[in-house]
Amino acid sequence: MRVYTLKENRFIYNKIEDINSEIIQGIDECSSLNLVKAIVLGGGYGRGEGCISLKNGIPQLHNDLEYYLFRDGSHRTDSSERREIVDFMKYMSERHGIDIEIFDTDTGWLDRQPVTMFTYDLVSKSHIIYGDQSFFSRHTRHLDSSSIEISEAERLLYNRLSGILFSLEKINRGYLTQQDTDFVVRNIAKLKLALGDACLTVFGNYHWSTIERNRALRKLFDHWVILDSDTQERIVALHDEGMAYRMNPSWGGESLRTLAAEIDELLELAQPIWQWTQNESLEQQYIRARNRNRFQVMEALRDRVRNLRYFGISDSLNPYNRLNARDRLKKCLWDLIQRQRYHWVEFQNGHVARLLNTFPEKADDLISRYQLLWSRLG
């Protein structure tokens, strides 16, 4: 039987196999399987590193299920097919009580993509539940983790810190539902892993396996002094804790104050690491930009068009319109985190509002605006 999780559990394996069968059948009903080259289960379960949680003593799926539908390149999905896929995703998510996503693309998509953490993970270790089992064999360039750009380390921390921002917003309400608590604890664990994973990515040592990354991180710090020795030891210890949570996702019943204090401690460590990855990424981009100056005008134009798409037509008068859309979110992320940490309601509101192209009157609106843009831009 296929292994889907870090801890063996036949009940969960059978559940995932059943969902896989339902996915194949559902996609066949939405769009003929004759047009499908491969259906792939990605994410943690696809790599055999998914999590299992317990609810009333019964094993439950803990992570989202992510499926990738690769169609024949000559086929163009029409709007009715896309709606059917979206409706099917919603049905499956409600039926099984967990988010189930289906990403619909064509067979040439990987050829057009740079090597990223995502493409490396997908090609290196995922489960093809339908179609050509050798589908990824011609995409060998995505197997080279040393080709992953440093910007991926920066992006990883940006996404994990965004999760911490949303967690702080929940904590600052003064109460947490069980769902909120799961969200906060999960995002804390993700950041613990990401601090070490970012270091590995900068040095070209990223690996699809959490266990292998944990081993590689220890070796990296044995040979390189990136930060002071105490900080490096702390990063390894946090990676251990993050990996332990993935093996046994549970919550010890910590109070709001304890969770907030743990986040504060993590952020003190995360800030210099995120700044370091940003500097390393900028240096790499600067070196490459010298060789493609003639493309800079087109890139600037694309940035402005993309800003209008995500920030609205009024953004044409915004001085920040010249910046990359995702860079704008990065620039205001830390300010938003600081305000949530210290309850500085008016902290940098005008600056953040201009970056987000919105109004600064209500602090909660800025978080909602950021979350909406973050979900669209990634």
Protein backbone atom coordinates (compact mmCIF):
# COMPACT_ATOMS: atom_id res chain seq x y z
CA MET A 1 0.00 0.00 0.00
CA ARG A 2 1.13 3.53 -0.78
CA VAL A 3 2.62 5.47 2.17
CA TYR A 4 0.97 8.86 2.69
CA THR A 5 2.03 9.94 6.17
CA LEU A 6 5.09 10.10 8.42
CA LYS A 7 3.38 7.77 10.91
CA GLU A 8 1.92 4.61 9.40
CA ASN A 9 -1.86 4.35 9.66
CA ARG A 10 -3.85 1.97 7.46
CA PHE A 11 -7.15 3.66 8.31
CA ILE A 12 -5.89 7.00 6.92
CA TYR A 13 -4.28 5.28 3.93
CA ASN A 14 -7.58 3.63 3.00
CA LYS A 15 -9.39 6.96 3.41
CA ILE A 16 -6.99 8.71 1.02
CA GLU A 17 -7.24 5.86 -1.48
CA ASP A 18 -11.02 6.23 -1.42
CA ILE A 19 -10.75 9.99 -1.97
CA ASN A 20 -8.32 9.39 -4.85
CA SER A 21 -10.88 7.15 -6.52
CA GLU A 22 -13.60 9.75 -6.03
CA ILE A 23 -11.35 12.43 -7.53
CA ILE A 24 -10.70 10.33 -10.65
CA GLN A 25 -14.40 9.56 -11.07
CA GLY A 26 -15.43 13.18 -10.46
CA ILE A 27 -12.94 14.58 -12.95
CA ASP A 28 -14.14 12.06 -15.53
CA GLU A 29 -17.67 13.39 -15.06
CA CYS A 30 -16.53 17.03 -15.30
CA SER A 31 -14.20 16.45 -18.25
CA SER A 32 -13.36 13.25 -20.10
CA LEU A 33 -10.30 11.39 -18.81
CA ASN A 34 -9.29 10.90 -22.44
CA LEU A 35 -8.01 14.51 -22.32
CA VAL A 36 -6.07 13.98 -19.07
CA LYS A 37 -2.42 12.95 -19.12
CA ALA A 38 -2.00 12.69 -15.36
CA ILE A 39 -3.75 13.39 -12.06
CA VAL A 40 -1.23 13.92 -9.29
CA LEU A 41 -1.60 14.03 -5.52
CA GLY A 42 0.96 16.58 -4.31
CA GLY A 43 1.58 18.27 -0.97
CA GLY A 44 2.54 16.42 2.19
CA TYR A 45 0.39 13.36 1.54
CA GLY A 46 1.73 13.04 -2.00
CA ARG A 47 5.27 13.01 -0.60
CA GLY A 48 4.39 10.50 2.11
CA GLU A 49 4.80 13.11 4.84
CA GLY A 50 1.22 14.06 5.61
CA CYS A 51 0.01 14.59 9.18
CA ILE A 52 -2.55 12.65 11.21
CA SER A 53 -4.55 14.22 14.02
CA LEU A 54 -6.90 12.55 16.47
CA LYS A 55 -10.49 13.59 17.12
CA ASN A 56 -12.20 11.67 19.91
CA GLY A 57 -9.52 9.02 19.45
CA ILE A 58 -10.26 8.61 15.73
CA PRO A 59 -7.45 9.35 13.19
CA GLN A 60 -8.20 12.31 10.94
CA LEU A 61 -6.55 13.94 7.94
CA HIS A 62 -4.74 17.04 9.20
CA ASN A 63 -3.44 18.73 6.03
CA ASP A 64 -5.18 19.84 2.86
CA LEU A 65 -5.29 17.45 -0.09
CA GLU A 66 -3.81 18.98 -3.24
CA TYR A 67 -4.43 17.45 -6.65
CA TYR A 68 -2.89 18.55 -9.94
CA LEU A 69 -4.71 17.87 -13.17
CA PHE A 70 -2.47 17.88 -16.25
CA ARG A 71 -4.48 18.00 -19.47
CA ASP A 72 -3.39 17.51 -23.05
CA GLY A 73 -1.72 20.72 -24.17
CA SER A 74 -4.04 21.03 -27.18
CA HIS A 75 -7.15 21.12 -24.96
CA ARG A 76 -8.45 24.45 -23.69
CA THR A 77 -10.65 24.25 -20.60
CA ASP A 78 -13.86 26.23 -21.11
CA SER A 79 -15.69 28.19 -18.40
CA SER A 80 -18.32 25.48 -17.84
CA GLU A 81 -15.63 22.86 -17.18
CA ARG A 82 -13.86 25.20 -14.73
CA ARG A 83 -17.11 25.83 -12.86
CA GLU A 84 -17.78 22.10 -12.64
CA ILE A 85 -14.29 21.52 -11.22
CA VAL A 86 -14.78 24.29 -8.64
CA ASP A 87 -18.19 22.91 -7.62
CA PHE A 88 -16.71 19.42 -7.37
CA MET A 89 -13.91 20.71 -5.10
CA LYS A 90 -16.45 22.35 -2.80
CA TYR A 91 -18.52 19.16 -2.69
CA MET A 92 -15.50 16.99 -1.88
CA SER A 93 -14.26 19.41 0.81
CA GLU A 94 -17.65 19.43 2.52
CA ARG A 95 -18.05 15.67 2.18
CA HIS A 96 -14.71 14.84 3.80
CA GLY A 97 -14.38 17.80 6.18
CA ILE A 98 -11.03 18.97 4.84
CA ASP A 99 -9.93 21.38 2.12
CA ILE A 100 -9.51 19.52 -1.17
CA GLU A 101 -8.03 21.54 -4.02
CA ILE A 102 -7.68 20.67 -7.70
CA PHE A 103 -5.26 22.72 -9.79
CA ASP A 104 -6.08 22.49 -13.47
CA THR A 105 -3.25 23.06 -15.98
CA ASP A 106 -1.74 21.72 -19.19
CA THR A 107 1.13 19.34 -19.87
CA GLY A 108 3.50 22.15 -20.87
CA TRP A 109 3.10 24.09 -17.64
CA LEU A 110 6.27 22.72 -16.00
CA ASP A 111 8.29 23.54 -19.13
CA ARG A 112 7.37 27.20 -18.66
CA GLN A 113 8.14 27.34 -14.92
CA PRO A 114 11.45 28.14 -13.19
CA VAL A 115 12.71 25.66 -10.60
CA THR A 116 10.96 26.49 -7.33
CA MET A 117 10.40 24.70 -4.04
CA PHE A 118 6.95 23.76 -5.29
CA THR A 119 8.02 22.36 -8.69
CA TYR A 120 10.99 20.56 -7.10
CA ASP A 121 8.73 18.91 -4.49
CA LEU A 122 6.11 18.00 -7.09
CA VAL A 123 8.52 16.39 -9.56
CA SER A 124 10.77 14.80 -6.93
CA LYS A 125 8.14 13.13 -4.80
CA SER A 126 4.43 13.05 -5.53
CA HIS A 127 1.86 10.37 -6.28
CA ILE A 128 0.42 9.98 -9.78
CA ILE A 129 -3.02 8.53 -9.03
CA TYR A 130 -4.08 8.37 -12.69
CA GLY A 131 -2.36 8.41 -16.06
CA ASP A 132 1.21 8.10 -17.25
CA GLN A 133 3.38 7.02 -14.30
CA SER A 134 6.46 8.40 -16.10
CA PHE A 135 4.82 11.80 -16.62
CA PHE A 136 7.56 13.70 -14.72
CA SER A 137 10.48 11.82 -16.33
CA ARG A 138 11.16 14.58 -18.89
CA HIS A 139 11.19 17.33 -16.27
CA THR A 140 14.58 16.47 -14.78
CA ARG A 141 15.70 20.09 -14.40
CA HIS A 142 13.16 20.43 -11.59
CA LEU A 143 14.99 17.70 -9.67
CA ASP A 144 17.99 19.95 -9.00
CA SER A 145 17.35 21.70 -5.68
CA SER A 146 20.53 23.76 -6.09
CA SER A 147 18.76 25.55 -8.98
CA ILE A 148 16.09 26.91 -6.65
CA GLU A 149 16.55 30.68 -6.51
CA ILE A 150 17.26 32.39 -3.19
CA SER A 151 14.06 34.39 -3.63
CA GLU A 152 12.23 31.17 -2.79
CA ALA A 153 13.70 31.26 0.73
CA GLU A 154 12.50 34.84 1.10
CA ARG A 155 9.07 33.91 -0.26
CA LEU A 156 8.80 30.95 2.13
CA LEU A 157 9.37 33.22 5.13
CA TYR A 158 7.02 35.85 3.72
CA ASN A 159 4.22 33.26 3.54
CA ARG A 160 4.98 31.82 6.98
CA LEU A 161 5.16 35.28 8.56
CA SER A 162 1.85 36.12 6.90
CA GLY A 163 0.40 33.09 8.69
CA ILE A 164 1.79 34.46 11.96
CA LEU A 165 0.17 37.85 11.25
CA PHE A 166 -3.23 36.20 10.81
CA SER A 167 -2.57 34.16 13.98
CA LEU A 168 -1.83 37.32 15.99
CA GLU A 169 -5.06 38.86 14.77
CA LYS A 170 -6.97 35.88 16.15
CA ILE A 171 -5.08 35.95 19.46
CA ASN A 172 -5.75 39.66 19.90
CA ARG A 173 -9.51 39.06 19.84
CA GLY A 174 -9.10 37.67 23.34
CA TYR A 175 -10.50 34.20 22.69
CA LEU A 176 -9.83 31.26 20.38
CA THR A 177 -12.18 28.63 19.03
CA GLN A 178 -10.81 25.13 18.55
CA GLN A 179 -10.45 25.87 14.84
CA ASP A 180 -8.60 29.11 15.61
CA THR A 181 -6.28 27.31 18.00
CA ASP A 182 -5.46 24.67 15.40
CA PHE A 183 -4.70 27.48 12.93
CA VAL A 184 -2.37 29.32 15.35
CA VAL A 185 -0.49 26.22 16.51
CA ARG A 186 -0.09 24.97 12.94
CA ASN A 187 1.33 28.31 11.76
CA ILE A 188 3.76 28.42 14.68
CA ALA A 189 5.02 24.96 13.69
CA LYS A 190 5.31 26.00 10.04
CA LEU A 191 7.49 28.99 10.95
CA LYS A 192 9.72 26.79 13.13
CA LEU A 193 10.42 24.61 10.10
CA ALA A 194 10.72 27.52 7.68
CA LEU A 195 13.57 29.23 9.56
CA GLY A 196 15.82 26.25 8.95
CA ASP A 197 14.43 25.48 5.51
CA ALA A 198 15.21 29.05 4.38
CA CYS A 199 18.84 28.64 5.43
CA LEU A 200 19.10 25.40 3.46
CA THR A 201 17.55 27.00 0.37
CA VAL A 202 20.02 29.89 0.34
CA PHE A 203 22.87 27.37 0.28
CA GLY A 204 21.21 25.12 -2.32
CA ASN A 205 20.63 22.25 0.12
CA TYR A 206 16.84 22.09 0.17
CA HIS A 207 15.30 18.59 0.11
CA TRP A 208 11.71 17.45 -0.35
CA SER A 209 11.83 15.34 2.82
CA THR A 210 11.40 17.08 6.20
CA ILE A 211 13.55 14.40 7.85
CA GLU A 212 16.36 14.84 5.31
CA ARG A 213 16.18 18.63 5.65
CA ASN A 214 16.56 18.25 9.40
CA ARG A 215 19.72 16.20 8.91
CA ALA A 216 21.05 18.57 6.25
CA LEU A 217 20.50 21.57 8.53
CA ARG A 218 22.76 20.10 11.20
CA LYS A 219 25.46 19.42 8.60
CA LEU A 220 25.11 22.92 7.18
CA PHE A 221 25.72 24.56 10.56
CA ASP A 222 28.64 22.19 11.21
CA HIS A 223 30.42 23.67 8.17
CA TRP A 224 29.11 27.23 7.88
CA VAL A 225 28.73 30.03 10.40
CA ILE A 226 25.74 31.97 9.08
CA LEU A 227 24.68 33.47 12.40
CA ASP A 228 26.13 33.20 15.89
CA SER A 229 26.39 29.67 17.28
CA ASP A 230 23.59 30.11 19.86
CA THR A 231 21.19 31.30 17.14
CA GLN A 232 22.10 28.40 14.87
CA GLU A 233 21.52 25.93 17.70
CA ARG A 234 18.16 27.55 18.33
CA ILE A 235 17.20 27.21 14.65
CA VAL A 236 18.02 23.49 14.73
CA ALA A 237 16.03 23.02 17.96
CA LEU A 238 13.03 24.80 16.45
CA HIS A 239 13.27 22.65 13.32
CA ASP A 240 13.20 19.60 15.59
CA GLU A 241 10.03 20.94 17.23
CA GLY A 242 8.42 21.66 13.86
CA MET A 243 9.21 18.18 12.61
CA ALA A 244 7.85 16.62 15.83
CA TYR A 245 4.58 18.50 15.29
CA ARG A 246 4.33 17.15 11.74
CA MET A 247 4.71 13.63 13.10
CA ASN A 248 2.22 14.18 15.91
CA PRO A 249 0.13 17.35 15.42
CA SER A 250 -1.25 18.10 18.85
CA TRP A 251 -1.83 21.05 21.16
CA GLY A 252 -0.84 21.09 24.80
CA GLY A 253 -3.60 23.49 25.86
CA GLU A 254 -1.41 26.58 26.13
CA SER A 255 -3.08 29.85 27.06
CA LEU A 256 -3.44 32.83 24.76
CA ARG A 257 -0.61 34.55 26.63
CA THR A 258 1.67 31.52 26.18
CA LEU A 259 0.96 31.31 22.46
CA ALA A 260 1.58 35.06 22.05
CA ALA A 261 4.86 34.79 23.98
CA GLU A 262 6.00 31.89 21.78
CA ILE A 263 5.22 33.93 18.67
CA ASP A 264 7.16 36.90 20.08
CA GLU A 265 10.19 34.69 20.66
CA LEU A 266 9.97 33.28 17.14
CA LEU A 267 9.64 36.73 15.56
CA GLU A 268 12.77 38.00 17.30
CA LEU A 269 14.65 35.18 15.56
CA ALA A 270 12.73 35.38 12.27
CA GLN A 271 13.38 39.08 11.60
CA PRO A 272 17.16 38.88 11.04
CA ILE A 273 16.82 35.65 9.04
CA TRP A 274 14.18 37.18 6.77
CA GLN A 275 16.34 40.29 6.28
CA TRP A 276 19.32 38.06 5.49
CA THR A 277 17.37 36.10 2.84
CA GLN A 278 16.12 39.38 1.34
CA ASN A 279 19.68 40.71 1.05
CA GLU A 280 20.94 37.46 -0.46
CA SER A 281 18.04 37.44 -2.93
CA LEU A 282 18.63 41.06 -3.95
CA GLU A 283 22.31 40.35 -4.57
CA GLN A 284 21.45 37.38 -6.77
CA GLN A 285 18.87 39.44 -8.68
CA TYR A 286 21.34 42.32 -9.14
CA ILE A 287 23.95 40.03 -10.66
CA ARG A 288 21.41 38.60 -13.09
CA ALA A 289 19.88 41.98 -13.90
CA ARG A 290 23.20 43.26 -15.25
CA ASN A 291 22.89 40.70 -18.02
CA ARG A 292 19.35 41.65 -19.03
CA ASN A 293 19.06 45.42 -18.80
CA ARG A 294 17.10 45.51 -22.05
CA PHE A 295 14.22 43.65 -20.38
CA GLN A 296 13.86 46.05 -17.45
CA VAL A 297 11.45 48.41 -19.23
CA MET A 298 9.10 45.54 -20.10
CA GLU A 299 9.30 44.19 -16.53
CA ALA A 300 8.43 47.63 -15.11
CA LEU A 301 5.45 47.85 -17.44
CA ARG A 302 4.26 44.38 -16.42
CA ASP A 303 4.53 45.40 -12.75
CA ARG A 304 2.30 48.43 -13.32
CA VAL A 305 -0.30 46.40 -15.23
CA ARG A 306 -0.31 43.72 -12.53
CA ASN A 307 -0.76 46.37 -9.84
CA LEU A 308 -3.82 47.74 -11.62
CA ARG A 309 -5.22 44.23 -11.82
CA TYR A 310 -4.86 43.46 -8.11
CA PHE A 311 -4.98 46.91 -6.46
CA GLY A 312 -7.61 48.56 -8.68
CA ILE A 313 -7.69 51.32 -11.29
CA SER A 314 -7.17 54.00 -8.61
CA ASP A 315 -3.69 52.55 -8.10
CA SER A 316 -2.56 54.29 -11.29
CA LEU A 317 -2.06 57.46 -9.20
CA ASN A 318 -0.31 55.63 -6.36
CA PRO A 319 3.47 56.26 -6.15
CA TYR A 320 3.92 52.62 -5.13
CA ASN A 321 2.48 51.49 -8.48
CA ARG A 322 6.03 51.21 -9.80
CA LEU A 323 6.84 48.41 -7.34
CA ASN A 324 6.27 44.70 -7.85
CA ALA A 325 2.85 43.75 -6.43
CA ARG A 326 4.18 41.07 -4.06
CA ASP A 327 7.02 43.36 -2.94
CA ARG A 328 4.42 45.85 -1.76
CA LEU A 329 2.94 43.25 0.57
CA LYS A 330 6.39 42.35 1.87
CA LYS A 331 7.10 46.00 2.65
CA CYS A 332 4.07 46.34 4.90
CA LEU A 333 4.08 42.84 6.44
CA TRP A 334 6.46 43.59 9.29
CA ASP A 335 4.68 46.85 10.15
CA LEU A 336 1.38 44.97 10.39
CA ILE A 337 2.98 42.29 12.58
CA GLN A 338 4.46 44.90 14.92
CA ARG A 339 1.11 46.61 15.32
CA GLN A 340 -0.53 43.28 16.18
CA ARG A 341 2.24 42.47 18.66
CA TYR A 342 2.18 45.77 20.50
CA HIS A 343 -1.38 46.96 19.78
CA TRP A 344 -0.13 50.10 18.05
CA VAL A 345 -3.43 50.85 16.33
CA GLU A 346 -2.14 53.90 14.48
CA PHE A 347 1.31 52.47 13.77
CA GLN A 348 2.33 53.25 10.17
CA ASN A 349 -1.30 53.20 9.05
CA GLY A 350 -0.80 55.82 6.32
CA HIS A 351 2.29 54.10 4.91
CA VAL A 352 0.68 50.66 4.96
CA ALA A 353 -2.56 51.97 3.49
CA ARG A 354 -0.72 53.50 0.54
CA LEU A 355 1.13 50.25 -0.08
CA LEU A 356 -2.19 48.37 -0.05
CA ASN A 357 -4.02 51.18 -1.88
CA THR A 358 -6.78 51.41 0.70
CA PHE A 359 -7.99 53.65 3.53
CA PRO A 360 -6.16 53.73 6.89
CA GLU A 361 -9.13 54.54 9.14
CA LYS A 362 -9.67 51.07 10.62
CA ALA A 363 -6.82 48.81 11.64
CA ASP A 364 -8.86 45.65 11.01
CA ASP A 365 -9.52 46.72 7.43
CA LEU A 366 -5.79 46.77 6.70
CA ILE A 367 -5.38 43.17 7.86
CA SER A 368 -8.38 42.08 5.80
CA ARG A 369 -7.05 43.94 2.78
CA TYR A 370 -3.62 42.37 3.18
CA GLN A 371 -5.11 38.89 3.57
CA LEU A 372 -7.22 39.31 0.43
CA LEU A 373 -4.25 40.45 -1.66
CA TRP A 374 -1.99 37.79 -0.14
CA SER A 375 -4.47 35.04 -1.05
CA ARG A 376 -4.51 36.29 -4.67
CA LEU A 377 -0.83 36.99 -5.09
CA GLY A 378 0.63 34.20 -2.94
